[in-house]
Amino acid sequence: MKLGYVILYVPDVPATLAFYEKAFGLKRRFLHESNTYGELDTGTTALAFASEEMAGHNGLTVRFHRPKETPAAVEVALVTPDVAGAYEHSVKAGASPVQPPKQKPWGQSVAYVQDLNGVLVEICSPISA
């Protein structure tokens, strides 16, 4: 097996795609004409968004992300060599700051923000092997 998609259920798929394009510089790969499903090109694995209504259509019961609530125990990690610059850019583009860049003991720089839906996003440098 391989990881093909990470799908987040969100209230507004087009707005979420636009946010990730502006805040993180990701490119839109696909938006269905119904506006209920879209994908961003992030390399081998797509970051996708589906409307909250689709969770019910898929027979799922989930807790949706909300900006004013404590983030769920999941994060989207985006890798960049310029963590500080990406963090500042994302906050200026509307991301909510959670934790500024910090150096981890293993040498990685890591920062955290929340997207417009309350999803936790890690902005991190590549891990050196």
Protein backbone atom coordinates (compact mmCIF):
# COMPACT_ATOMS: atom_id res chain seq x y z
CA MET A 1 0.00 0.00 0.00
CA LYS A 2 0.90 3.64 -0.31
CA LEU A 3 -0.67 6.82 1.04
CA GLY A 4 -2.68 8.38 -1.78
CA TYR A 5 -4.70 11.15 -0.12
CA VAL A 6 -5.21 12.95 3.13
CA ILE A 7 -8.80 14.23 3.09
CA LEU A 8 -10.09 16.84 5.53
CA TYR A 9 -13.81 17.58 5.85
CA VAL A 10 -14.36 21.34 5.74
CA PRO A 11 -17.32 23.74 5.60
CA ASP A 12 -16.22 25.44 2.35
CA VAL A 13 -13.98 23.54 -0.08
CA PRO A 14 -13.24 26.41 -2.54
CA ALA A 15 -12.40 28.83 0.31
CA THR A 16 -10.11 26.24 1.90
CA LEU A 17 -8.29 25.60 -1.39
CA ALA A 18 -7.84 29.36 -1.88
CA PHE A 19 -6.53 29.71 1.68
CA TYR A 20 -3.89 26.97 1.25
CA GLU A 21 -2.85 28.46 -2.09
CA LYS A 22 -2.39 31.92 -0.55
CA ALA A 23 -1.00 30.93 2.85
CA PHE A 24 1.30 28.08 1.82
CA GLY A 25 1.86 28.51 -1.93
CA LEU A 26 0.33 25.14 -2.81
CA LYS A 27 -1.16 24.63 -6.28
CA ARG A 28 -4.71 23.53 -6.93
CA ARG A 29 -4.88 20.19 -8.70
CA PHE A 30 -8.61 19.70 -8.89
CA LEU A 31 -11.95 21.17 -7.81
CA HIS A 32 -15.12 19.26 -8.67
CA GLU A 33 -17.83 21.38 -10.30
CA SER A 34 -20.09 20.70 -7.27
CA ASN A 35 -17.53 22.50 -5.04
CA THR A 36 -17.75 19.57 -2.60
CA TYR A 37 -14.32 18.06 -3.29
CA GLY A 38 -10.93 19.49 -4.21
CA GLU A 39 -7.25 18.60 -4.16
CA LEU A 40 -3.94 20.39 -3.83
CA ASP A 41 -0.78 19.15 -5.49
CA THR A 42 1.68 18.37 -2.70
CA GLY A 43 3.85 15.77 -4.41
CA THR A 44 3.13 12.05 -4.31
CA THR A 45 0.28 12.33 -1.77
CA ALA A 46 -2.56 14.77 -2.43
CA LEU A 47 -3.97 17.00 0.27
CA ALA A 48 -7.71 16.95 -0.37
CA PHE A 49 -10.78 18.63 1.07
CA ALA A 50 -14.34 17.36 1.04
CA SER A 51 -17.46 19.19 2.19
CA GLU A 52 -18.72 18.36 5.64
CA GLU A 53 -21.92 17.09 4.03
CA MET A 54 -19.89 14.41 2.25
CA ALA A 55 -18.96 12.85 5.60
CA GLY A 56 -22.64 12.07 6.15
CA HIS A 57 -23.09 10.90 2.57
CA ASN A 58 -20.17 8.52 3.18
CA GLY A 59 -21.91 7.17 6.29
CA LEU A 60 -19.37 8.69 8.69
CA THR A 61 -19.83 10.34 12.05
CA VAL A 62 -16.95 12.71 12.74
CA ARG A 63 -16.06 15.75 14.85
CA PHE A 64 -15.48 18.66 12.50
CA HIS A 65 -12.65 21.13 12.97
CA ARG A 66 -13.65 24.55 14.24
CA PRO A 67 -11.35 27.58 14.55
CA LYS A 68 -12.41 28.51 18.09
CA GLU A 69 -12.06 24.97 19.47
CA THR A 70 -8.99 23.02 20.56
CA PRO A 71 -7.49 21.43 17.44
CA ALA A 72 -8.09 17.74 16.83
CA ALA A 73 -5.23 15.34 17.48
CA VAL A 74 -4.05 15.45 13.86
CA GLU A 75 -1.92 17.85 11.86
CA VAL A 76 -0.97 18.57 8.29
CA ALA A 77 2.84 18.86 8.05
CA LEU A 78 4.28 20.99 5.26
CA VAL A 79 8.04 20.84 4.67
CA THR A 80 10.14 23.84 3.63
CA PRO A 81 13.76 24.93 4.08
CA ASP A 82 12.53 28.41 5.21
CA VAL A 83 10.30 27.70 8.20
CA ALA A 84 10.47 31.24 9.62
CA GLY A 85 9.58 32.83 6.28
CA ALA A 86 6.76 30.36 5.62
CA TYR A 87 5.39 30.88 9.14
CA GLU A 88 5.35 34.67 8.76
CA HIS A 89 3.82 34.44 5.28
CA SER A 90 1.06 32.08 6.42
CA VAL A 91 0.13 34.30 9.38
CA LYS A 92 0.00 37.38 7.12
CA ALA A 93 -2.27 35.36 4.79
CA GLY A 94 -4.73 34.62 7.59
CA ALA A 95 -3.41 31.55 9.42
CA SER A 96 -3.74 31.73 13.21
CA PRO A 97 -0.36 31.55 14.94
CA VAL A 98 -0.01 28.69 17.41
CA GLN A 99 3.74 28.35 17.99
CA PRO A 100 6.59 30.26 16.31
CA PRO A 101 9.54 28.36 14.85
CA LYS A 102 11.58 26.37 17.35
CA GLN A 103 14.65 24.23 16.88
CA LYS A 104 14.05 20.61 17.87
CA PRO A 105 16.78 18.46 19.49
CA TRP A 106 17.04 16.38 16.31
CA GLY A 107 17.90 19.48 14.27
CA GLN A 108 14.55 20.20 12.66
CA SER A 109 12.91 23.64 12.78
CA VAL A 110 9.17 23.44 13.50
CA ALA A 111 6.33 25.99 13.75
CA TYR A 112 2.56 25.61 14.07
CA VAL A 113 -0.43 27.55 12.78
CA GLN A 114 -4.13 26.82 12.38
CA ASP A 115 -5.89 27.14 9.05
CA LEU A 116 -9.20 28.96 8.55
CA ASN A 117 -11.09 25.83 9.67
CA GLY A 118 -9.07 25.23 12.84
CA VAL A 119 -6.89 22.47 11.39
CA LEU A 120 -3.41 22.35 12.92
CA VAL A 121 -0.67 22.86 10.33
CA GLU A 122 2.97 22.11 11.10
CA ILE A 123 5.51 24.05 9.07
CA CYS A 124 8.82 22.22 9.34
CA SER A 125 12.23 21.87 7.79
CA PRO A 126 13.29 18.57 6.23
CA ILE A 127 14.66 15.97 8.63
CA SER A 128 18.33 15.29 8.01
CA ALA A 129 19.20 11.62 7.99
